[in-house]
Amino acid sequence: MENSVVLIAQSNLFNVRIVENGVSSEKQFRVHAFAASWAEGQALRLGVPVVHEMAPVGNGAGALGNGGRLPL
């Protein structure tokens, strides 16, 4: 099975989905920097890159209301 780390921006929340040896888990954060830091640590541990995704939003402005860009 393939391991992965996905950081998902959804409204004002950030979810980090980890798949490790076929088992999926998810952790939710309110602060992007905390989510990104945790995701980077998990990715380093698993030896995979972090994949960034945007959850669909009805208004077309992107999950963060800034054209779909993640904050740096």
PDB file of N, CA and C in Angstrom:
ATOM      1  N   MET A   1       0.835  -1.184   0.000  1.00  0.00           N
ATOM      2  CA  MET A   1       0.000   0.000   0.000  1.00  0.00           C
ATOM      3  C   MET A   1       0.877   1.243   0.000  1.00  0.00           C
ATOM      4  N   GLU A   2       0.365   2.289  -0.593  1.00  0.00           N
ATOM      5  CA  GLU A   2       1.104   3.536  -0.719  1.00  0.00           C
ATOM      6  C   GLU A   2       0.775   4.469   0.444  1.00  0.00           C
ATOM      7  N   ASN A   3       1.801   5.081   1.011  1.00  0.00           N
ATOM      8  CA  ASN A   3       1.619   6.072   2.071  1.00  0.00           C
ATOM      9  C   ASN A   3       1.430   7.441   1.445  1.00  0.00           C
ATOM     10  N   SER A   4       0.682   8.319   2.137  1.00  0.00           N
ATOM     11  CA  SER A   4       0.488   9.673   1.621  1.00  0.00           C
ATOM     12  C   SER A   4       0.117  10.616   2.751  1.00  0.00           C
ATOM     13  N   VAL A   5       0.367  11.912   2.497  1.00  0.00           N
ATOM     14  CA  VAL A   5      -0.018  12.986   3.407  1.00  0.00           C
ATOM     15  C   VAL A   5      -0.670  14.068   2.556  1.00  0.00           C
ATOM     16  N   VAL A   6      -1.915  14.421   2.882  1.00  0.00           N
ATOM     17  CA  VAL A   6      -2.654  15.423   2.120  1.00  0.00           C
ATOM     18  C   VAL A   6      -3.120  16.514   3.075  1.00  0.00           C
ATOM     19  N   LEU A   7      -2.822  17.763   2.737  1.00  0.00           N
ATOM     20  CA  LEU A   7      -3.291  18.926   3.491  1.00  0.00           C
ATOM     21  C   LEU A   7      -4.446  19.535   2.707  1.00  0.00           C
ATOM     22  N   ILE A   8      -5.634  19.561   3.323  1.00  0.00           N
ATOM     23  CA  ILE A   8      -6.851  20.002   2.650  1.00  0.00           C
ATOM     24  C   ILE A   8      -7.353  21.278   3.313  1.00  0.00           C
ATOM     25  N   ALA A   9      -7.437  22.363   2.530  1.00  0.00           N
ATOM     26  CA  ALA A   9      -8.000  23.623   3.022  1.00  0.00           C
ATOM     27  C   ALA A   9      -9.492  23.601   2.753  1.00  0.00           C
ATOM     28  N   GLN A  10     -10.278  23.822   3.812  1.00  0.00           N
ATOM     29  CA  GLN A  10     -11.733  23.749   3.695  1.00  0.00           C
ATOM     30  C   GLN A  10     -12.330  24.845   4.555  1.00  0.00           C
ATOM     31  N   SER A  11     -12.862  25.899   3.933  1.00  0.00           N
ATOM     32  CA  SER A  11     -13.374  27.072   4.635  1.00  0.00           C
ATOM     33  C   SER A  11     -12.286  27.617   5.540  1.00  0.00           C
ATOM     34  N   ASN A  12     -12.553  27.705   6.841  1.00  0.00           N
ATOM     35  CA  ASN A  12     -11.558  28.210   7.786  1.00  0.00           C
ATOM     36  C   ASN A  12     -10.877  27.088   8.550  1.00  0.00           C
ATOM     37  N   LEU A  13     -10.964  25.866   8.026  1.00  0.00           N
ATOM     38  CA  LEU A  13     -10.350  24.720   8.677  1.00  0.00           C
ATOM     39  C   LEU A  13      -9.354  24.062   7.735  1.00  0.00           C
ATOM     40  N   PHE A  14      -8.419  23.354   8.322  1.00  0.00           N
ATOM     41  CA  PHE A  14      -7.385  22.664   7.555  1.00  0.00           C
ATOM     42  C   PHE A  14      -7.310  21.232   8.065  1.00  0.00           C
ATOM     43  N   ASN A  15      -7.534  20.280   7.173  1.00  0.00           N
ATOM     44  CA  ASN A  15      -7.487  18.862   7.524  1.00  0.00           C
ATOM     45  C   ASN A  15      -6.216  18.246   6.956  1.00  0.00           C
ATOM     46  N   VAL A  16      -5.591  17.397   7.746  1.00  0.00           N
ATOM     47  CA  VAL A  16      -4.433  16.643   7.272  1.00  0.00           C
ATOM     48  C   VAL A  16      -4.843  15.177   7.264  1.00  0.00           C
ATOM     49  N   ARG A  17      -4.835  14.594   6.062  1.00  0.00           N
ATOM     50  CA  ARG A  17      -5.202  13.180   5.903  1.00  0.00           C
ATOM     51  C   ARG A  17      -3.920  12.377   5.695  1.00  0.00           C
ATOM     52  N   ILE A  18      -3.725  11.372   6.540  1.00  0.00           N
ATOM     53  CA  ILE A  18      -2.559  10.496   6.476  1.00  0.00           C
ATOM     54  C   ILE A  18      -3.033   9.104   6.061  1.00  0.00           C
ATOM     55  N   VAL A  19      -2.363   8.517   5.086  1.00  0.00           N
ATOM     56  CA  VAL A  19      -2.576   7.100   4.772  1.00  0.00           C
ATOM     57  C   VAL A  19      -1.243   6.419   5.030  1.00  0.00           C
ATOM     58  N   GLU A  20      -1.259   5.497   5.990  1.00  0.00           N
ATOM     59  CA  GLU A  20      -0.056   4.758   6.364  1.00  0.00           C
ATOM     60  C   GLU A  20      -0.357   3.270   6.334  1.00  0.00           C
ATOM     61  N   ASN A  21       0.313   2.569   5.438  1.00  0.00           N
ATOM     62  CA  ASN A  21       0.106   1.121   5.279  1.00  0.00           C
ATOM     63  C   ASN A  21      -1.369   0.783   5.076  1.00  0.00           C
ATOM     64  N   GLY A  22      -2.064   1.621   4.292  1.00  0.00           N
ATOM     65  CA  GLY A  22      -3.457   1.366   3.960  1.00  0.00           C
ATOM     66  C   GLY A  22      -4.464   1.842   4.991  1.00  0.00           C
ATOM     67  N   VAL A  23      -4.001   2.380   6.113  1.00  0.00           N
ATOM     68  CA  VAL A  23      -4.905   2.871   7.158  1.00  0.00           C
ATOM     69  C   VAL A  23      -4.950   4.396   7.089  1.00  0.00           C
ATOM     70  N   SER A  24      -6.161   4.937   6.938  1.00  0.00           N
ATOM     71  CA  SER A  24      -6.344   6.377   6.798  1.00  0.00           C
ATOM     72  C   SER A  24      -6.749   7.001   8.133  1.00  0.00           C
ATOM     73  N   SER A  25      -6.163   8.162   8.419  1.00  0.00           N
ATOM     74  CA  SER A  25      -6.573   8.935   9.593  1.00  0.00           C
ATOM     75  C   SER A  25      -6.566  10.404   9.201  1.00  0.00           C
ATOM     76  N   GLU A  26      -7.308  11.205   9.949  1.00  0.00           N
ATOM     77  CA  GLU A  26      -7.407  12.625   9.622  1.00  0.00           C
ATOM     78  C   GLU A  26      -7.389  13.451  10.899  1.00  0.00           C
ATOM     79  N   LYS A  27      -6.697  14.580  10.837  1.00  0.00           N
ATOM     80  CA  LYS A  27      -6.605  15.498  11.977  1.00  0.00           C
ATOM     81  C   LYS A  27      -6.984  16.880  11.469  1.00  0.00           C
ATOM     82  N   GLN A  28      -7.755  17.622  12.274  1.00  0.00           N
ATOM     83  CA  GLN A  28      -8.253  18.927  11.864  1.00  0.00           C
ATOM     84  C   GLN A  28      -7.579  20.040  12.658  1.00  0.00           C
ATOM     85  N   PHE A  29      -7.268  21.142  11.976  1.00  0.00           N
ATOM     86  CA  PHE A  29      -6.626  22.305  12.585  1.00  0.00           C
ATOM     87  C   PHE A  29      -7.390  23.565  12.205  1.00  0.00           C
ATOM     88  N   ARG A  30      -7.322  24.583  13.039  1.00  0.00           N
ATOM     89  CA  ARG A  30      -7.921  25.880  12.725  1.00  0.00           C
ATOM     90  C   ARG A  30      -6.886  26.859  12.191  1.00  0.00           C
ATOM     91  N   VAL A  31      -5.613  26.556  12.375  1.00  0.00           N
ATOM     92  CA  VAL A  31      -4.526  27.442  11.950  1.00  0.00           C
ATOM     93  C   VAL A  31      -3.701  26.730  10.882  1.00  0.00           C
ATOM     94  N   HIS A  32      -3.561  27.373   9.718  1.00  0.00           N
ATOM     95  CA  HIS A  32      -2.845  26.755   8.602  1.00  0.00           C
ATOM     96  C   HIS A  32      -1.419  26.386   8.985  1.00  0.00           C
ATOM     97  N   ALA A  33      -0.714  27.266   9.690  1.00  0.00           N
ATOM     98  CA  ALA A  33       0.687  26.993  10.039  1.00  0.00           C
ATOM     99  C   ALA A  33       0.821  25.729  10.881  1.00  0.00           C
ATOM    100  N   PHE A  34      -0.128  25.497  11.782  1.00  0.00           N
ATOM    101  CA  PHE A  34      -0.080  24.295  12.617  1.00  0.00           C
ATOM    102  C   PHE A  34      -0.318  23.050  11.763  1.00  0.00           C
ATOM    103  N   ALA A  35      -1.309  23.134  10.865  1.00  0.00           N
ATOM    104  CA  ALA A  35      -1.613  22.003   9.985  1.00  0.00           C
ATOM    105  C   ALA A  35      -0.431  21.694   9.077  1.00  0.00           C
ATOM    106  N   ALA A  36       0.164  22.739   8.509  1.00  0.00           N
ATOM    107  CA  ALA A  36       1.290  22.550   7.593  1.00  0.00           C
ATOM    108  C   ALA A  36       2.483  21.944   8.319  1.00  0.00           C
ATOM    109  N   SER A  37       2.750  22.411   9.526  1.00  0.00           N
ATOM    110  CA  SER A  37       3.876  21.886  10.304  1.00  0.00           C
ATOM    111  C   SER A  37       3.672  20.411  10.632  1.00  0.00           C
ATOM    112  N   TRP A  38       2.469  20.064  11.068  1.00  0.00           N
ATOM    113  CA  TRP A  38       2.179  18.675  11.414  1.00  0.00           C
ATOM    114  C   TRP A  38       2.251  17.787  10.165  1.00  0.00           C
ATOM    115  N   ALA A  39       1.707  18.301   9.055  1.00  0.00           N
ATOM    116  CA  ALA A  39       1.740  17.538   7.804  1.00  0.00           C
ATOM    117  C   ALA A  39       3.180  17.307   7.346  1.00  0.00           C
ATOM    118  N   GLU A  40       4.022  18.338   7.429  1.00  0.00           N
ATOM    119  CA  GLU A  40       5.423  18.200   7.023  1.00  0.00           C
ATOM    120  C   GLU A  40       6.150  17.156   7.879  1.00  0.00           C
ATOM    121  N   GLY A  41       5.876  17.154   9.173  1.00  0.00           N
ATOM    122  CA  GLY A  41       6.492  16.167  10.054  1.00  0.00           C
ATOM    123  C   GLY A  41       6.075  14.748   9.717  1.00  0.00           C
ATOM    124  N   GLN A  42       4.783  14.572   9.426  1.00  0.00           N
ATOM    125  CA  GLN A  42       4.292  13.242   9.059  1.00  0.00           C
ATOM    126  C   GLN A  42       4.855  12.804   7.710  1.00  0.00           C
ATOM    127  N   ALA A  43       4.946  13.747   6.777  1.00  0.00           N
ATOM    128  CA  ALA A  43       5.503  13.430   5.464  1.00  0.00           C
ATOM    129  C   ALA A  43       6.970  13.034   5.580  1.00  0.00           C
ATOM    130  N   LEU A  44       7.710  13.734   6.415  1.00  0.00           N
ATOM    131  CA  LEU A  44       9.117  13.397   6.642  1.00  0.00           C
ATOM    132  C   LEU A  44       9.239  11.998   7.232  1.00  0.00           C
ATOM    133  N   ARG A  45       8.393  11.701   8.207  1.00  0.00           N
ATOM    134  CA  ARG A  45       8.400  10.382   8.848  1.00  0.00           C
ATOM    135  C   ARG A  45       8.093   9.268   7.861  1.00  0.00           C
ATOM    136  N   LEU A  46       7.136   9.523   6.944  1.00  0.00           N
ATOM    137  CA  LEU A  46       6.718   8.501   5.982  1.00  0.00           C
ATOM    138  C   LEU A  46       7.533   8.517   4.691  1.00  0.00           C
ATOM    139  N   GLY A  47       8.345   9.549   4.503  1.00  0.00           N
ATOM    140  CA  GLY A  47       9.162   9.630   3.295  1.00  0.00           C
ATOM    141  C   GLY A  47       8.382   9.966   2.040  1.00  0.00           C
ATOM    142  N   VAL A  48       7.350  10.801   2.193  1.00  0.00           N
ATOM    143  CA  VAL A  48       6.520  11.202   1.048  1.00  0.00           C
ATOM    144  C   VAL A  48       6.352  12.723   1.072  1.00  0.00           C
ATOM    145  N   PRO A  49       5.987  13.324  -0.069  1.00  0.00           N
ATOM    146  CA  PRO A  49       5.715  14.770  -0.079  1.00  0.00           C
ATOM    147  C   PRO A  49       4.310  15.059   0.441  1.00  0.00           C
ATOM    148  N   VAL A  50       4.092  16.301   0.870  1.00  0.00           N
ATOM    149  CA  VAL A  50       2.748  16.748   1.250  1.00  0.00           C
ATOM    150  C   VAL A  50       2.027  17.188  -0.020  1.00  0.00           C
ATOM    151  N   VAL A  51       0.817  16.688  -0.222  1.00  0.00           N
ATOM    152  CA  VAL A  51      -0.031  17.106  -1.335  1.00  0.00           C
ATOM    153  C   VAL A  51      -1.018  18.126  -0.792  1.00  0.00           C
ATOM    154  N   HIS A  52      -1.139  19.276  -1.458  1.00  0.00           N
ATOM    155  CA  HIS A  52      -2.067  20.334  -1.029  1.00  0.00           C
ATOM    156  C   HIS A  52      -3.308  20.271  -1.898  1.00  0.00           C
ATOM    157  N   GLU A  53      -4.470  20.268  -1.250  1.00  0.00           N
ATOM    158  CA  GLU A  53      -5.751  20.234  -1.969  1.00  0.00           C
ATOM    159  C   GLU A  53      -6.658  21.317  -1.429  1.00  0.00           C
ATOM    160  N   MET A  54      -7.550  21.767  -2.280  1.00  0.00           N
ATOM    161  CA  MET A  54      -8.581  22.723  -1.887  1.00  0.00           C
ATOM    162  C   MET A  54      -9.923  22.014  -1.950  1.00  0.00           C
ATOM    163  N   ALA A  55     -10.714  22.119  -0.893  1.00  0.00           N
ATOM    164  CA  ALA A  55     -12.053  21.555  -0.916  1.00  0.00           C
ATOM    165  C   ALA A  55     -12.944  22.484  -1.730  1.00  0.00           C
ATOM    166  N   PRO A  56     -13.904  21.947  -2.472  1.00  0.00           N
ATOM    167  CA  PRO A  56     -14.790  22.797  -3.272  1.00  0.00           C
ATOM    168  C   PRO A  56     -15.606  23.732  -2.397  1.00  0.00           C
ATOM    169  N   VAL A  57     -15.815  24.947  -2.887  1.00  0.00           N
ATOM    170  CA  VAL A  57     -16.619  25.943  -2.181  1.00  0.00           C
ATOM    171  C   VAL A  57     -17.655  26.466  -3.159  1.00  0.00           C
ATOM    172  N   GLY A  58     -18.866  26.673  -2.673  1.00  0.00           N
ATOM    173  CA  GLY A  58     -19.963  27.081  -3.540  1.00  0.00           C
ATOM    174  C   GLY A  58     -19.820  28.442  -4.183  1.00  0.00           C
ATOM    175  N   ASN A  59     -19.071  29.368  -3.578  1.00  0.00           N
ATOM    176  CA  ASN A  59     -19.015  30.720  -4.128  1.00  0.00           C
ATOM    177  C   ASN A  59     -17.946  30.893  -5.191  1.00  0.00           C
ATOM    178  N   GLY A  60     -17.147  29.867  -5.473  1.00  0.00           N
ATOM    179  CA  GLY A  60     -16.142  29.933  -6.515  1.00  0.00           C
ATOM    180  C   GLY A  60     -14.900  30.722  -6.146  1.00  0.00           C
ATOM    181  N   ALA A  61     -14.827  31.229  -4.917  1.00  0.00           N
ATOM    182  CA  ALA A  61     -13.697  32.058  -4.506  1.00  0.00           C
ATOM    183  C   ALA A  61     -12.555  31.229  -3.951  1.00  0.00           C
ATOM    184  N   GLY A  62     -12.712  29.932  -3.875  1.00  0.00           N
ATOM    185  CA  GLY A  62     -11.681  29.096  -3.261  1.00  0.00           C
ATOM    186  C   GLY A  62     -11.985  28.931  -1.782  1.00  0.00           C
ATOM    187  N   ALA A  63     -11.399  27.918  -1.185  1.00  0.00           N
ATOM    188  CA  ALA A  63     -11.698  27.584   0.201  1.00  0.00           C
ATOM    189  C   ALA A  63     -11.301  28.689   1.157  1.00  0.00           C
ATOM    190  N   LEU A  64     -10.352  29.519   0.768  1.00  0.00           N
ATOM    191  CA  LEU A  64      -9.886  30.571   1.667  1.00  0.00           C
ATOM    192  C   LEU A  64     -10.412  31.935   1.252  1.00  0.00           C
ATOM    193  N   GLY A  65     -11.226  31.986   0.207  1.00  0.00           N
ATOM    194  CA  GLY A  65     -11.758  33.252  -0.245  1.00  0.00           C
ATOM    195  C   GLY A  65     -10.707  34.136  -0.902  1.00  0.00           C
ATOM    196  N   ASN A  66      -9.596  33.562  -1.328  1.00  0.00           N
ATOM    197  CA  ASN A  66      -8.521  34.353  -1.935  1.00  0.00           C
ATOM    198  C   ASN A  66      -8.101  33.774  -3.279  1.00  0.00           C
ATOM    199  N   GLY A  67      -9.064  33.277  -4.015  1.00  0.00           N
ATOM    200  CA  GLY A  67      -8.743  32.714  -5.320  1.00  0.00           C
ATOM    201  C   GLY A  67      -8.199  31.305  -5.272  1.00  0.00           C
ATOM    202  N   GLY A  68      -8.328  30.631  -4.129  1.00  0.00           N
ATOM    203  CA  GLY A  68      -7.888  29.253  -4.017  1.00  0.00           C
ATOM    204  C   GLY A  68      -6.435  29.074  -3.642  1.00  0.00           C
ATOM    205  N   ARG A  69      -5.755  30.140  -3.268  1.00  0.00           N
ATOM    206  CA  ARG A  69      -4.340  30.035  -2.890  1.00  0.00           C
ATOM    207  C   ARG A  69      -4.212  29.755  -1.395  1.00  0.00           C
ATOM    208  N   LEU A  70      -3.287  28.867  -1.055  1.00  0.00           N
ATOM    209  CA  LEU A  70      -2.974  28.632   0.347  1.00  0.00           C
ATOM    210  C   LEU A  70      -2.063  29.740   0.850  1.00  0.00           C
ATOM    211  N   PRO A  71      -2.241  30.187   2.101  1.00  0.00           N
ATOM    212  CA  PRO A  71      -1.340  31.201   2.644  1.00  0.00           C
ATOM    213  C   PRO A  71       0.048  30.619   2.833  1.00  0.00           C
ATOM    214  N   LEU A  72       1.054  31.474   2.734  1.00  0.00           N
ATOM    215  CA  LEU A  72       2.424  31.027   2.908  1.00  0.00           C
ATOM    216  C   LEU A  72       2.828  31.011   4.348  1.00  0.00           C
TER     217      LEU A  72
END
